[in-house]
């Protein structure tokens, strides 16, 4: 079973890499800046695809549950991204205020806003996760919570281990990734 999962994971990673490199070859007139701007979106889409595949496998999700479960998961991810953007903007405001010779009161207001925002985000995220858990059996709930904790860490670890520049690429058939996210 582990061998099958590894082969399936390698195949999916290979397909994702081929899709991304194929898109470069099909867009010869697209400027480098436009490509670089599109890369985060493509990477996000690939990560979302990988996450859905791994969740389906880990939680043994059937099609009936998938119709209710994945829209909620996507909504949670959208909410998290919005929260990250709000926090990023708040931190940028703090950065600007701290560089300028501003009044302490403005900085204190922004700091208070930051902590209020984080607390609100925490409550909203918890509420959304509880909605998702209502759709699952207790075993699936446990597996989902573990997955949500481990998946980002495994992705970062995988990316760190396999980070190479395009001109450094060697024959990938000789190197088989051992830590496919979710294993």
C-alpha atoms as a PDB file:
ATOM      1  CA  UNK A   1       0.000   0.000   0.000  1.00  0.00           C
ATOM      2  CA  UNK A   2       2.838   2.419   0.857  1.00  0.00           C
ATOM      3  CA  UNK A   3       4.522   1.616  -2.467  1.00  0.00           C
ATOM      4  CA  UNK A   4       1.256   2.318  -4.298  1.00  0.00           C
ATOM      5  CA  UNK A   5       0.848   5.635  -2.454  1.00  0.00           C
ATOM      6  CA  UNK A   6       4.433   6.587  -3.230  1.00  0.00           C
ATOM      7  CA  UNK A   7       4.055   5.761  -6.908  1.00  0.00           C
ATOM      8  CA  UNK A   8       0.750   7.641  -7.067  1.00  0.00           C
ATOM      9  CA  UNK A   9       2.281  10.641  -5.284  1.00  0.00           C
ATOM     10  CA  UNK A  10       5.292  10.701  -7.583  1.00  0.00           C
ATOM     11  CA  UNK A  11       3.021  10.438 -10.611  1.00  0.00           C
ATOM     12  CA  UNK A  12       0.860  13.346  -9.456  1.00  0.00           C
ATOM     13  CA  UNK A  13       3.918  15.476  -8.646  1.00  0.00           C
ATOM     14  CA  UNK A  14       5.355  14.645 -12.057  1.00  0.00           C
ATOM     15  CA  UNK A  15       2.125  15.586 -13.801  1.00  0.00           C
ATOM     16  CA  UNK A  16       1.988  18.879 -11.918  1.00  0.00           C
ATOM     17  CA  UNK A  17       5.577  19.638 -12.901  1.00  0.00           C
ATOM     18  CA  UNK A  18       4.892  18.735 -16.529  1.00  0.00           C
ATOM     19  CA  UNK A  19       1.801  20.924 -16.578  1.00  0.00           C
ATOM     20  CA  UNK A  20       3.706  23.883 -15.166  1.00  0.00           C
ATOM     21  CA  UNK A  21       6.658  23.469 -17.570  1.00  0.00           C
ATOM     22  CA  UNK A  22       4.293  22.897 -20.493  1.00  0.00           C
ATOM     23  CA  UNK A  23       2.548  26.186 -19.749  1.00  0.00           C
ATOM     24  CA  UNK A  24       5.905  27.977 -20.022  1.00  0.00           C
ATOM     25  CA  UNK A  25       6.586  26.481 -23.432  1.00  0.00           C
ATOM     26  CA  UNK A  26       3.121  27.406 -24.729  1.00  0.00           C
ATOM     27  CA  UNK A  27       3.439  31.069 -23.761  1.00  0.00           C
ATOM     28  CA  UNK A  28       6.591  32.232 -25.547  1.00  0.00           C
ATOM     29  CA  UNK A  29       5.507  35.867 -25.830  1.00  0.00           C
ATOM     30  CA  UNK A  30       4.370  36.266 -22.271  1.00  0.00           C
ATOM     31  CA  UNK A  31       6.770  38.505 -20.386  1.00  0.00           C
ATOM     32  CA  UNK A  32       8.759  37.250 -17.433  1.00  0.00           C
ATOM     33  CA  UNK A  33       6.952  39.590 -15.047  1.00  0.00           C
ATOM     34  CA  UNK A  34       3.548  38.256 -16.049  1.00  0.00           C
ATOM     35  CA  UNK A  35       4.775  34.679 -15.610  1.00  0.00           C
ATOM     36  CA  UNK A  36       6.178  35.484 -12.175  1.00  0.00           C
ATOM     37  CA  UNK A  37       2.891  37.089 -11.198  1.00  0.00           C
ATOM     38  CA  UNK A  38       0.973  33.988 -12.329  1.00  0.00           C
ATOM     39  CA  UNK A  39       3.295  31.518 -10.576  1.00  0.00           C
ATOM     40  CA  UNK A  40       1.907  32.017  -7.039  1.00  0.00           C
ATOM     41  CA  UNK A  41      -1.634  31.423  -8.337  1.00  0.00           C
ATOM     42  CA  UNK A  42      -0.554  28.278 -10.186  1.00  0.00           C
ATOM     43  CA  UNK A  43       1.349  27.054  -7.144  1.00  0.00           C
ATOM     44  CA  UNK A  44      -1.694  27.689  -4.967  1.00  0.00           C
ATOM     45  CA  UNK A  45      -3.908  25.738  -7.376  1.00  0.00           C
ATOM     46  CA  UNK A  46      -1.446  22.824  -7.407  1.00  0.00           C
ATOM     47  CA  UNK A  47      -1.301  22.816  -3.591  1.00  0.00           C
ATOM     48  CA  UNK A  48      -5.098  22.860  -3.423  1.00  0.00           C
ATOM     49  CA  UNK A  49      -5.282  19.931  -5.842  1.00  0.00           C
ATOM     50  CA  UNK A  50      -2.712  18.010  -3.832  1.00  0.00           C
ATOM     51  CA  UNK A  51      -4.540  18.781  -0.588  1.00  0.00           C
ATOM     52  CA  UNK A  52      -7.887  17.597  -1.987  1.00  0.00           C
ATOM     53  CA  UNK A  53      -6.310  14.409  -3.280  1.00  0.00           C
ATOM     54  CA  UNK A  54      -4.616  13.697   0.063  1.00  0.00           C
ATOM     55  CA  UNK A  55      -7.767  14.511   2.083  1.00  0.00           C
ATOM     56  CA  UNK A  56      -9.840  12.239  -0.147  1.00  0.00           C
ATOM     57  CA  UNK A  57      -7.356   9.441   0.393  1.00  0.00           C
ATOM     58  CA  UNK A  58      -6.710  10.006   4.127  1.00  0.00           C
ATOM     59  CA  UNK A  59     -10.375  10.401   5.097  1.00  0.00           C
ATOM     60  CA  UNK A  60     -11.707   7.856   2.598  1.00  0.00           C
ATOM     61  CA  UNK A  61     -14.237  10.385   1.293  1.00  0.00           C
ATOM     62  CA  UNK A  62     -16.983   9.117  -0.982  1.00  0.00           C
ATOM     63  CA  UNK A  63     -18.629  11.241  -3.691  1.00  0.00           C
ATOM     64  CA  UNK A  64     -21.689  12.055  -1.574  1.00  0.00           C
ATOM     65  CA  UNK A  65     -19.567  13.430   1.265  1.00  0.00           C
ATOM     66  CA  UNK A  66     -17.206  15.166  -1.175  1.00  0.00           C
ATOM     67  CA  UNK A  67     -20.097  17.281  -2.517  1.00  0.00           C
ATOM     68  CA  UNK A  68     -20.673  18.707   0.984  1.00  0.00           C
ATOM     69  CA  UNK A  69     -17.151  18.538   2.408  1.00  0.00           C
ATOM     70  CA  UNK A  70     -14.914  20.172  -0.203  1.00  0.00           C
ATOM     71  CA  UNK A  71     -16.958  23.370  -0.638  1.00  0.00           C
ATOM     72  CA  UNK A  72     -16.564  23.917   3.123  1.00  0.00           C
ATOM     73  CA  UNK A  73     -12.831  23.191   2.945  1.00  0.00           C
ATOM     74  CA  UNK A  74     -12.458  25.662   0.060  1.00  0.00           C
ATOM     75  CA  UNK A  75     -14.444  28.244   2.017  1.00  0.00           C
ATOM     76  CA  UNK A  76     -12.100  27.746   4.985  1.00  0.00           C
ATOM     77  CA  UNK A  77      -9.049  28.208   2.742  1.00  0.00           C
ATOM     78  CA  UNK A  78     -10.545  31.360   1.228  1.00  0.00           C
ATOM     79  CA  UNK A  79     -11.247  32.679   4.712  1.00  0.00           C
ATOM     80  CA  UNK A  80      -7.678  31.943   5.799  1.00  0.00           C
ATOM     81  CA  UNK A  81      -6.273  33.784   2.791  1.00  0.00           C
ATOM     82  CA  UNK A  82      -8.467  36.803   3.527  1.00  0.00           C
ATOM     83  CA  UNK A  83      -7.302  36.744   7.139  1.00  0.00           C
ATOM     84  CA  UNK A  84      -3.661  36.579   6.057  1.00  0.00           C
ATOM     85  CA  UNK A  85      -4.173  39.568   3.766  1.00  0.00           C
ATOM     86  CA  UNK A  86      -5.808  41.596   6.544  1.00  0.00           C
ATOM     87  CA  UNK A  87      -2.972  40.780   8.948  1.00  0.00           C
ATOM     88  CA  UNK A  88      -0.382  41.601   6.267  1.00  0.00           C
ATOM     89  CA  UNK A  89      -1.992  45.012   5.687  1.00  0.00           C
ATOM     90  CA  UNK A  90      -2.097  45.716   9.403  1.00  0.00           C
ATOM     91  CA  UNK A  91       1.574  44.804   9.773  1.00  0.00           C
ATOM     92  CA  UNK A  92       2.423  47.026   6.814  1.00  0.00           C
ATOM     93  CA  UNK A  93       0.632  49.893   8.569  1.00  0.00           C
ATOM     94  CA  UNK A  94       2.640  49.158  11.710  1.00  0.00           C
ATOM     95  CA  UNK A  95       5.843  49.102   9.675  1.00  0.00           C
ATOM     96  CA  UNK A  96       5.038  52.503   8.169  1.00  0.00           C
ATOM     97  CA  UNK A  97       4.042  53.988  11.509  1.00  0.00           C
ATOM     98  CA  UNK A  98       7.167  52.730  13.222  1.00  0.00           C
ATOM     99  CA  UNK A  99       9.477  54.198  10.557  1.00  0.00           C
ATOM    100  CA  UNK A 100       7.850  57.607  10.607  1.00  0.00           C
ATOM    101  CA  UNK A 101       7.974  59.890  13.600  1.00  0.00           C
ATOM    102  CA  UNK A 102       4.327  59.278  14.517  1.00  0.00           C
ATOM    103  CA  UNK A 103       2.491  59.606  17.718  1.00  0.00           C
ATOM    104  CA  UNK A 104       2.551  56.680  20.069  1.00  0.00           C
ATOM    105  CA  UNK A 105      -1.242  56.690  20.178  1.00  0.00           C
ATOM    106  CA  UNK A 106      -1.481  55.803  16.465  1.00  0.00           C
ATOM    107  CA  UNK A 107       0.918  52.915  16.902  1.00  0.00           C
ATOM    108  CA  UNK A 108      -0.959  51.673  19.979  1.00  0.00           C
ATOM    109  CA  UNK A 109      -4.261  51.822  18.055  1.00  0.00           C
ATOM    110  CA  UNK A 110      -2.794  49.755  15.227  1.00  0.00           C
ATOM    111  CA  UNK A 111      -1.366  47.219  17.692  1.00  0.00           C
ATOM    112  CA  UNK A 112      -4.782  46.907  19.364  1.00  0.00           C
ATOM    113  CA  UNK A 113      -6.379  46.466  15.945  1.00  0.00           C
ATOM    114  CA  UNK A 114      -3.851  43.727  15.147  1.00  0.00           C
ATOM    115  CA  UNK A 115      -4.692  41.683  18.266  1.00  0.00           C
ATOM    116  CA  UNK A 116      -8.450  42.196  17.853  1.00  0.00           C
ATOM    117  CA  UNK A 117      -8.158  41.041  14.256  1.00  0.00           C
ATOM    118  CA  UNK A 118      -6.169  37.934  15.203  1.00  0.00           C
ATOM    119  CA  UNK A 119      -8.692  37.008  17.901  1.00  0.00           C
ATOM    120  CA  UNK A 120     -11.615  37.469  15.491  1.00  0.00           C
ATOM    121  CA  UNK A 121      -9.819  35.381  12.846  1.00  0.00           C
ATOM    122  CA  UNK A 122      -9.176  32.639  15.385  1.00  0.00           C
ATOM    123  CA  UNK A 123     -12.868  32.463  16.341  1.00  0.00           C
ATOM    124  CA  UNK A 124     -14.040  32.524  12.713  1.00  0.00           C
ATOM    125  CA  UNK A 125     -11.594  29.763  11.745  1.00  0.00           C
ATOM    126  CA  UNK A 126     -12.612  27.600  14.704  1.00  0.00           C
ATOM    127  CA  UNK A 127     -16.296  28.037  13.811  1.00  0.00           C
ATOM    128  CA  UNK A 128     -15.626  26.995  10.205  1.00  0.00           C
ATOM    129  CA  UNK A 129     -13.599  23.950  11.293  1.00  0.00           C
ATOM    130  CA  UNK A 130     -16.428  22.894  13.624  1.00  0.00           C
ATOM    131  CA  UNK A 131     -18.850  23.084  10.666  1.00  0.00           C
ATOM    132  CA  UNK A 132     -16.529  20.869   8.648  1.00  0.00           C
ATOM    133  CA  UNK A 133     -16.179  18.369  11.493  1.00  0.00           C
ATOM    134  CA  UNK A 134     -19.982  17.984  11.713  1.00  0.00           C
ATOM    135  CA  UNK A 135     -19.863  16.347   8.277  1.00  0.00           C
ATOM    136  CA  UNK A 136     -17.382  13.663   9.362  1.00  0.00           C
ATOM    137  CA  UNK A 137     -17.370  10.573  11.539  1.00  0.00           C
ATOM    138  CA  UNK A 138     -15.304  10.769  14.759  1.00  0.00           C
ATOM    139  CA  UNK A 139     -12.434   8.839  13.146  1.00  0.00           C
ATOM    140  CA  UNK A 140     -12.516  11.120  10.103  1.00  0.00           C
ATOM    141  CA  UNK A 141     -12.621  14.152  12.422  1.00  0.00           C
ATOM    142  CA  UNK A 142      -9.454  13.008  14.173  1.00  0.00           C
ATOM    143  CA  UNK A 143      -7.729  12.306  10.859  1.00  0.00           C
ATOM    144  CA  UNK A 144      -8.805  15.696   9.482  1.00  0.00           C
ATOM    145  CA  UNK A 145      -7.433  17.604  12.483  1.00  0.00           C
ATOM    146  CA  UNK A 146      -4.147  15.696  12.278  1.00  0.00           C
ATOM    147  CA  UNK A 147      -3.982  16.324   8.525  1.00  0.00           C
ATOM    148  CA  UNK A 148      -4.606  20.066   8.963  1.00  0.00           C
ATOM    149  CA  UNK A 149      -1.750  20.207  11.445  1.00  0.00           C
ATOM    150  CA  UNK A 150       0.745  18.095   9.479  1.00  0.00           C
ATOM    151  CA  UNK A 151       0.061  18.928   5.823  1.00  0.00           C
ATOM    152  CA  UNK A 152       1.565  22.457   5.735  1.00  0.00           C
ATOM    153  CA  UNK A 153       4.655  21.277   7.596  1.00  0.00           C
ATOM    154  CA  UNK A 154       5.126  18.304   5.252  1.00  0.00           C
ATOM    155  CA  UNK A 155       4.700  20.533   2.199  1.00  0.00           C
ATOM    156  CA  UNK A 156       7.343  22.964   3.494  1.00  0.00           C
ATOM    157  CA  UNK A 157       9.676  20.072   4.284  1.00  0.00           C
ATOM    158  CA  UNK A 158       9.131  18.508   0.867  1.00  0.00           C
ATOM    159  CA  UNK A 159       9.733  21.833  -0.880  1.00  0.00           C
ATOM    160  CA  UNK A 160      12.870  22.499   1.151  1.00  0.00           C
ATOM    161  CA  UNK A 161      14.277  19.050   0.334  1.00  0.00           C
ATOM    162  CA  UNK A 162      13.484  19.297  -3.375  1.00  0.00           C
ATOM    163  CA  UNK A 163      14.092  22.959  -4.047  1.00  0.00           C
ATOM    164  CA  UNK A 164      16.228  23.295  -7.149  1.00  0.00           C
ATOM    165  CA  UNK A 165      16.618  25.908  -9.825  1.00  0.00           C
ATOM    166  CA  UNK A 166      15.550  24.836 -13.353  1.00  0.00           C
ATOM    167  CA  UNK A 167      19.142  24.721 -14.605  1.00  0.00           C
ATOM    168  CA  UNK A 168      20.110  22.449 -11.683  1.00  0.00           C
ATOM    169  CA  UNK A 169      17.597  19.759 -12.643  1.00  0.00           C
ATOM    170  CA  UNK A 170      19.056  16.328 -13.182  1.00  0.00           C
ATOM    171  CA  UNK A 171      17.500  13.083 -14.292  1.00  0.00           C
ATOM    172  CA  UNK A 172      14.538  12.888 -11.902  1.00  0.00           C
ATOM    173  CA  UNK A 173      14.037   9.174 -12.588  1.00  0.00           C
ATOM    174  CA  UNK A 174      17.081   8.480 -10.414  1.00  0.00           C
ATOM    175  CA  UNK A 175      15.736  10.435  -7.452  1.00  0.00           C
ATOM    176  CA  UNK A 176      12.531   9.218  -5.836  1.00  0.00           C
ATOM    177  CA  UNK A 177      11.064  11.529  -3.178  1.00  0.00           C
ATOM    178  CA  UNK A 178      10.642   9.724   0.117  1.00  0.00           C
ATOM    179  CA  UNK A 179       8.466  12.257   1.936  1.00  0.00           C
ATOM    180  CA  UNK A 180       5.488  12.860  -0.289  1.00  0.00           C
ATOM    181  CA  UNK A 181       3.162  15.172   1.638  1.00  0.00           C
ATOM    182  CA  UNK A 182       0.618  13.205   3.597  1.00  0.00           C
ATOM    183  CA  UNK A 183       2.641   9.999   3.936  1.00  0.00           C
END
